[in-house]
Amino acid sequence: MADNASATIAMPNSTAAHYVFTMRAVEAAAYRSLIVKRQKRYVNRDALVLIPVVGLACVGGAIVLATRYGLLPGVALRPTLVVAAISFVVGYLLFGLAAAAAAEWKARAAFADTRNARESFDCTFDDDGFIVKRGETQSRVAWSAVAAVQDARSIVVLWYDRSQGFFIPARAFRDNMARVTFAAWASERVRAAAPLKTK
């Protein structure tokens, strides 16, 4: 077990577990990555295709007009269109990668200034739900408020919905088996509480 993480586990007989840990930037990044994957269904794929197509059409149209009005030699039309199309596609992809990298750098820098990066989480789980203590704050969450449990190896996430949840770092568990056991136990608690959501 790594530094800044401890666990007291008694499952499944006494159905209780206790973890104390601090979050790390790499774990917060893994959590953000899972959120992005879970929200893919909300991405407008038509727009992702339409935007570059319209942009490419505008570039191509401008080149054709320039050729028609003598600004470019006619023999250069085809190679110019090919080079422009390749350059546009490469530039579009590089812009997407740069935007994603910039967003991740910003998120990591912002995380370093949050309480999550500075204060320890003290979590106690039982059959009814779990209590999370952090500094002067404390919150109680019932299993019926949890939609799903995901074991992502580096973290175990308790999802409230597709974009919000709470995670426990894998290093907070005694070993991999303890992590897997906890995830299975928590998933069972969520399934058992599911009927309560429909009442």
Protein backbone atom coordinates (compact mmCIF):
# COMPACT_ATOMS: atom_id res chain seq x y z
CA MET A 1 0.00 0.00 0.00
CA ALA A 2 1.29 3.46 -0.90
CA ASP A 3 1.84 6.40 1.43
CA ASN A 4 -1.14 8.54 2.44
CA ALA A 5 -3.51 5.60 2.10
CA SER A 6 -4.84 3.12 4.61
CA ALA A 7 -7.65 0.63 4.80
CA THR A 8 -9.59 -1.29 7.38
CA ILE A 9 -11.75 -3.94 5.73
CA ALA A 10 -14.24 -6.43 7.14
CA MET A 11 -16.26 -7.92 4.31
CA PRO A 12 -18.50 -9.66 3.51
CA ASN A 13 -19.46 -10.92 6.97
CA SER A 14 -19.57 -7.66 8.92
CA THR A 15 -20.20 -5.65 5.73
CA ALA A 16 -18.02 -2.70 6.68
CA ALA A 17 -15.02 -1.00 5.13
CA HIS A 18 -12.93 2.02 6.03
CA TYR A 19 -10.45 3.88 3.81
CA VAL A 20 -8.31 6.97 4.37
CA PHE A 21 -6.44 8.52 1.46
CA THR A 22 -5.44 11.69 -0.37
CA MET A 23 -6.13 12.11 -4.07
CA ARG A 24 -3.32 12.44 -6.59
CA ALA A 25 -3.26 14.28 -9.91
CA VAL A 26 -2.83 11.07 -11.92
CA GLU A 27 -5.91 9.56 -10.24
CA ALA A 28 -7.97 12.68 -10.87
CA ALA A 29 -6.88 12.49 -14.52
CA ALA A 30 -8.03 8.86 -14.72
CA TYR A 31 -11.40 9.93 -13.28
CA ARG A 32 -11.76 12.73 -15.86
CA SER A 33 -10.92 10.26 -18.62
CA LEU A 34 -13.73 7.97 -17.48
CA ILE A 35 -16.16 10.90 -17.46
CA VAL A 36 -15.25 11.72 -21.07
CA LYS A 37 -15.88 8.11 -22.11
CA ARG A 38 -19.21 8.00 -20.29
CA GLN A 39 -20.36 11.20 -21.99
CA LYS A 40 -19.56 10.13 -25.56
CA ARG A 41 -23.23 9.51 -26.21
CA TYR A 42 -23.85 13.26 -25.86
CA VAL A 43 -21.31 14.22 -28.54
CA ASN A 44 -22.88 15.54 -31.74
CA ARG A 45 -21.08 13.33 -34.27
CA ASP A 46 -22.80 15.03 -37.21
CA ALA A 47 -21.31 18.35 -36.15
CA LEU A 48 -17.84 16.79 -35.84
CA VAL A 49 -18.10 15.72 -39.47
CA LEU A 50 -19.93 18.77 -40.80
CA ILE A 51 -17.55 21.40 -39.40
CA PRO A 52 -14.39 20.16 -41.17
CA VAL A 53 -16.33 19.43 -44.36
CA VAL A 54 -17.66 23.00 -44.47
CA GLY A 55 -14.21 24.36 -43.67
CA LEU A 56 -12.60 22.27 -46.39
CA ALA A 57 -15.28 23.35 -48.87
CA CYS A 58 -14.59 27.01 -48.05
CA VAL A 59 -10.85 26.56 -48.59
CA GLY A 60 -11.43 24.69 -51.85
CA GLY A 61 -13.94 27.28 -53.03
CA ALA A 62 -11.52 30.10 -52.33
CA ILE A 63 -8.79 28.36 -54.36
CA VAL A 64 -11.15 27.77 -57.29
CA LEU A 65 -12.25 31.41 -57.27
CA ALA A 66 -8.64 32.57 -57.10
CA THR A 67 -7.84 30.45 -60.14
CA ARG A 68 -10.89 31.68 -62.06
CA TYR A 69 -9.96 35.31 -61.50
CA GLY A 70 -6.35 34.80 -62.48
CA LEU A 71 -4.84 35.00 -59.02
CA LEU A 72 -3.51 31.44 -59.41
CA PRO A 73 -2.39 29.73 -62.63
CA GLY A 74 -4.89 27.19 -63.94
CA VAL A 75 -2.31 24.40 -64.10
CA ALA A 76 -1.76 24.79 -60.35
CA LEU A 77 -5.42 24.25 -59.43
CA ARG A 78 -5.33 20.49 -58.84
CA PRO A 79 -2.04 20.28 -56.86
CA THR A 80 -3.05 23.35 -54.87
CA LEU A 81 -6.36 21.74 -53.92
CA VAL A 82 -4.61 18.51 -52.88
CA VAL A 83 -2.02 20.33 -50.75
CA ALA A 84 -4.69 22.56 -49.21
CA ALA A 85 -6.90 19.55 -48.36
CA ILE A 86 -4.04 17.65 -46.73
CA SER A 87 -2.88 20.73 -44.81
CA PHE A 88 -6.43 21.43 -43.61
CA VAL A 89 -6.98 17.87 -42.36
CA VAL A 90 -3.62 17.75 -40.59
CA GLY A 91 -4.21 21.20 -39.06
CA TYR A 92 -7.70 20.20 -37.89
CA LEU A 93 -6.37 17.06 -36.19
CA LEU A 94 -3.45 18.91 -34.60
CA PHE A 95 -5.82 21.59 -33.31
CA GLY A 96 -7.98 18.92 -31.68
CA LEU A 97 -4.96 17.30 -30.03
CA ALA A 98 -3.63 20.66 -28.85
CA ALA A 99 -7.01 21.64 -27.42
CA ALA A 100 -7.27 18.33 -25.55
CA ALA A 101 -3.73 18.69 -24.19
CA ALA A 102 -4.36 22.28 -23.10
CA ALA A 103 -7.56 21.25 -21.33
CA GLU A 104 -5.73 18.46 -19.48
CA TRP A 105 -2.87 20.75 -18.43
CA LYS A 106 -5.39 23.27 -17.14
CA ALA A 107 -7.32 20.58 -15.24
CA ARG A 108 -4.13 19.28 -13.60
CA ALA A 109 -3.06 22.79 -12.58
CA ALA A 110 -6.53 23.53 -11.21
CA PHE A 111 -6.58 20.25 -9.26
CA ALA A 112 -3.39 21.23 -7.43
CA ASP A 113 -5.22 24.26 -6.01
CA THR A 114 -8.27 22.33 -4.79
CA ARG A 115 -9.01 20.90 -1.36
CA ASN A 116 -9.10 17.44 -2.95
CA ALA A 117 -5.34 17.63 -3.49
CA ARG A 118 -4.56 18.86 0.02
CA GLU A 119 -6.97 17.16 2.42
CA SER A 120 -7.39 13.51 3.29
CA PHE A 121 -10.62 11.62 2.62
CA ASP A 122 -11.91 9.43 5.44
CA CYS A 123 -14.53 7.03 4.07
CA THR A 124 -16.63 4.50 5.94
CA PHE A 125 -18.89 2.05 4.07
CA ASP A 126 -21.67 -0.13 5.43
CA ASP A 127 -24.87 -1.80 4.22
CA ASP A 128 -26.80 1.49 4.23
CA GLY A 129 -24.33 3.62 2.31
CA PHE A 130 -21.12 5.49 3.04
CA ILE A 131 -19.85 8.52 4.93
CA VAL A 132 -17.11 10.73 3.47
CA LYS A 133 -15.22 13.08 5.79
CA ARG A 134 -12.86 15.72 4.44
CA GLY A 135 -11.51 18.42 6.69
CA GLU A 136 -14.46 20.07 8.44
CA THR A 137 -17.08 18.63 6.08
CA GLN A 138 -18.92 15.34 6.18
CA SER A 139 -21.50 13.82 3.85
CA ARG A 140 -23.63 10.69 3.96
CA VAL A 141 -24.64 8.92 0.74
CA ALA A 142 -27.18 6.10 0.57
CA TRP A 143 -26.62 3.22 -1.85
CA SER A 144 -29.85 4.17 -3.58
CA ALA A 145 -28.12 7.40 -4.69
CA VAL A 146 -25.42 5.43 -6.52
CA ALA A 147 -26.15 4.43 -10.11
CA ALA A 148 -23.18 2.12 -10.72
CA VAL A 149 -19.81 0.97 -9.43
CA GLN A 150 -16.84 0.77 -11.80
CA ASP A 151 -13.53 -0.92 -11.10
CA ALA A 152 -11.07 0.86 -13.39
CA ARG A 153 -7.99 -0.78 -11.83
CA SER A 154 -6.28 2.49 -10.83
CA ILE A 155 -9.46 3.75 -9.15
CA VAL A 156 -12.86 2.41 -8.08
CA VAL A 157 -15.64 4.85 -8.95
CA LEU A 158 -19.10 5.11 -7.43
CA TRP A 159 -21.15 6.89 -10.08
CA TYR A 160 -24.11 9.04 -9.10
CA ASP A 161 -24.87 9.69 -12.78
CA ARG A 162 -22.93 9.82 -16.07
CA SER A 163 -20.81 12.81 -15.10
CA GLN A 164 -20.64 12.81 -11.30
CA GLY A 165 -19.20 10.32 -8.88
CA PHE A 166 -16.69 9.62 -6.16
CA PHE A 167 -13.59 7.48 -6.46
CA ILE A 168 -11.23 5.54 -4.24
CA PRO A 169 -7.61 5.11 -5.42
CA ALA A 170 -6.46 1.53 -5.91
CA ARG A 171 -3.53 2.21 -3.56
CA ALA A 172 -6.01 2.68 -0.72
CA PHE A 173 -6.77 -1.04 -0.83
CA ARG A 174 -4.58 -3.67 0.76
CA ASP A 175 -4.05 -5.43 -2.58
CA ASN A 176 -5.76 -6.09 -5.93
CA MET A 177 -8.00 -8.77 -4.45
CA ALA A 178 -9.20 -6.35 -1.77
CA ARG A 179 -10.04 -3.84 -4.51
CA VAL A 180 -11.96 -6.40 -6.55
CA THR A 181 -13.78 -7.65 -3.46
CA PHE A 182 -14.83 -4.15 -2.48
CA ALA A 183 -16.05 -3.31 -6.00
CA ALA A 184 -18.15 -6.49 -6.10
CA TRP A 185 -19.53 -5.85 -2.63
CA ALA A 186 -20.41 -2.22 -3.44
CA SER A 187 -22.05 -3.28 -6.72
CA GLU A 188 -24.22 -5.73 -4.81
CA ARG A 189 -25.26 -2.99 -2.37
CA VAL A 190 -26.24 -0.78 -5.34
CA ARG A 191 -28.29 -3.58 -6.92
CA ALA A 192 -29.99 -4.32 -3.61
CA ALA A 193 -30.92 -0.63 -3.24
CA ALA A 194 -32.21 -0.32 -6.82
CA PRO A 195 -35.86 -1.19 -5.92
CA LEU A 196 -35.85 1.75 -3.51
CA LYS A 197 -35.30 4.16 -6.42
CA THR A 198 -38.60 3.19 -8.05
CA LYS A 199 -40.73 3.62 -4.94
